[in-house]
Amino acid sequence: MERKRLTYGFAAGVIATGVFIAGGSLAAVESMVGDAVKGETLYHACQACHSLDDNDLGPKHRGVVGRRAGSVADYSYSKALMTSGLTWDEATLDRWLTNPSALVPGTKMFFQISDAQQRADVIAYLKLQK
């Protein structure tokens, strides 16, 4: 009986976070709903290298959603990112923040966010920074 409650609680929690159980394994739903207010707080960690309006160790982030990767004219990108052909949409940013060097081997970016909800929150915040 206890096991059933734990299983049910796990399944309910997983469904609520945008993941569903299929054939006994977990499969991610295309996107999670992000909270831009939480994302703004989480973005403070990004500010070790980035700013919304000025290039620093990393390129400026204002307008990043929808922008072609490696396209800020006055920033020195890695060749890998400049030739990646990526455009920063929600799905690409999620993959990038999960593991930048897996998405674009040879990139200078090393920071990762392992928590899917936190990535969704940061992306929601960045979407508002037009």
Protein backbone atom coordinates (compact mmCIF):
# COMPACT_ATOMS: atom_id res chain seq x y z
CA MET A 1 0.00 0.00 0.00
CA GLU A 2 2.76 2.45 0.91
CA ARG A 3 4.53 1.70 -2.36
CA LYS A 4 1.42 2.61 -4.34
CA ARG A 5 1.18 5.98 -2.63
CA LEU A 6 4.84 6.71 -3.33
CA THR A 7 4.44 5.66 -6.95
CA TYR A 8 1.30 7.77 -7.32
CA GLY A 9 2.95 10.76 -5.65
CA PHE A 10 5.98 10.43 -7.91
CA ALA A 11 3.86 10.12 -11.04
CA ALA A 12 1.67 13.07 -10.05
CA GLY A 13 4.74 15.20 -9.31
CA VAL A 14 6.35 14.27 -12.59
CA ILE A 15 3.24 15.03 -14.61
CA ALA A 16 2.94 18.41 -12.90
CA THR A 17 6.49 19.38 -13.93
CA GLY A 18 5.96 18.72 -17.63
CA VAL A 19 7.23 15.16 -17.87
CA PHE A 20 5.13 12.05 -18.45
CA ILE A 21 5.68 8.35 -17.91
CA ALA A 22 5.58 6.29 -21.09
CA GLY A 23 6.18 2.55 -21.10
CA GLY A 24 7.88 2.69 -17.72
CA SER A 25 10.41 5.38 -18.71
CA LEU A 26 10.42 9.14 -18.40
CA ALA A 27 10.01 11.28 -21.50
CA ALA A 28 10.28 15.08 -21.51
CA VAL A 29 7.50 17.22 -22.86
CA GLU A 30 8.72 19.75 -25.45
CA SER A 31 8.73 22.72 -23.09
CA MET A 32 8.08 23.67 -19.51
CA VAL A 33 6.35 26.83 -18.38
CA GLY A 34 8.91 29.22 -16.98
CA ASP A 35 8.46 31.86 -14.30
CA ALA A 36 10.17 35.07 -15.40
CA VAL A 37 10.21 36.48 -11.85
CA LYS A 38 12.13 33.44 -10.60
CA GLY A 39 14.23 33.61 -13.77
CA GLU A 40 15.30 37.16 -12.96
CA THR A 41 16.65 35.98 -9.61
CA LEU A 42 18.39 33.00 -11.20
CA TYR A 43 19.88 35.28 -13.89
CA HIS A 44 22.11 36.85 -11.22
CA ALA A 45 24.39 33.80 -11.58
CA CYS A 46 24.69 34.56 -15.31
CA GLN A 47 25.88 38.07 -14.50
CA ALA A 48 29.26 36.72 -13.47
CA CYS A 49 29.98 36.74 -17.23
CA HIS A 50 26.99 38.40 -18.92
CA SER A 51 25.02 41.63 -18.85
CA LEU A 52 21.75 42.48 -20.55
CA ASP A 53 23.17 45.51 -22.34
CA ASP A 54 26.97 45.25 -22.41
CA ASN A 55 29.42 42.64 -23.59
CA ASP A 56 31.61 41.26 -20.84
CA LEU A 57 33.27 37.84 -20.67
CA GLY A 58 30.11 36.72 -22.47
CA PRO A 59 27.96 38.61 -24.98
CA LYS A 60 25.07 40.87 -23.98
CA HIS A 61 21.76 39.11 -23.53
CA ARG A 62 19.12 41.74 -24.33
CA GLY A 63 17.33 40.48 -27.44
CA VAL A 64 19.00 37.07 -27.31
CA VAL A 65 15.75 35.15 -27.87
CA GLY A 66 15.28 35.00 -31.64
CA ARG A 67 18.84 36.10 -32.38
CA ARG A 68 21.26 34.05 -34.47
CA ALA A 69 24.05 32.60 -32.32
CA GLY A 70 27.39 34.35 -32.67
CA SER A 71 25.89 37.48 -34.25
CA VAL A 72 26.55 40.35 -31.82
CA ALA A 73 28.90 42.44 -33.95
CA ASP A 74 31.18 43.72 -31.19
CA TYR A 75 31.75 40.43 -29.32
CA SER A 76 34.56 37.93 -29.95
CA TYR A 77 32.81 34.54 -30.18
CA SER A 78 34.43 31.15 -30.55
CA LYS A 79 34.59 29.94 -34.12
CA ALA A 80 32.47 26.97 -33.06
CA LEU A 81 29.57 29.17 -31.99
CA MET A 82 29.88 31.53 -34.95
CA THR A 83 29.57 28.63 -37.38
CA SER A 84 26.95 26.67 -35.39
CA GLY A 85 23.98 27.90 -37.43
CA LEU A 86 21.88 28.08 -34.25
CA THR A 87 19.14 30.57 -33.50
CA TRP A 88 18.36 31.18 -29.84
CA ASP A 89 14.80 29.97 -29.40
CA GLU A 90 13.39 28.31 -26.26
CA ALA A 91 14.37 24.77 -27.28
CA THR A 92 17.90 25.73 -28.32
CA LEU A 93 18.47 27.81 -25.19
CA ASP A 94 17.28 24.89 -23.08
CA ARG A 95 19.77 22.54 -24.75
CA TRP A 96 22.50 25.18 -24.48
CA LEU A 97 21.95 25.81 -20.78
CA THR A 98 21.85 22.06 -20.14
CA ASN A 99 25.33 21.53 -21.59
CA PRO A 100 26.82 24.16 -23.92
CA SER A 101 29.82 22.11 -25.01
CA ALA A 102 27.63 19.13 -25.90
CA LEU A 103 25.52 21.35 -28.17
CA VAL A 104 28.47 23.28 -29.62
CA PRO A 105 31.81 21.52 -29.07
CA GLY A 106 34.58 24.12 -28.84
CA THR A 107 32.43 26.87 -27.33
CA LYS A 108 33.84 29.17 -24.64
CA MET A 109 30.70 28.82 -22.53
CA PHE A 110 31.02 26.37 -19.66
CA PHE A 111 28.20 27.29 -17.24
CA GLN A 112 25.35 24.77 -16.99
CA ILE A 113 21.95 24.69 -15.30
CA SER A 114 21.02 21.10 -14.53
CA ASP A 115 17.49 21.79 -13.25
CA ALA A 116 14.93 21.90 -16.10
CA GLN A 117 12.57 24.26 -14.23
CA GLN A 118 15.36 26.70 -13.50
CA ARG A 119 16.35 26.68 -17.18
CA ALA A 120 12.72 27.37 -18.13
CA ASP A 121 12.60 30.23 -15.62
CA VAL A 122 15.79 31.86 -16.96
CA ILE A 123 14.53 31.50 -20.54
CA ALA A 124 11.18 33.07 -19.58
CA TYR A 125 13.10 36.03 -18.13
CA LEU A 126 15.30 36.35 -21.21
CA LYS A 127 12.23 36.31 -23.47
CA LEU A 128 11.06 39.53 -21.80
CA GLN A 129 14.40 41.28 -22.37
CA LYS A 130 13.76 42.68 -25.85
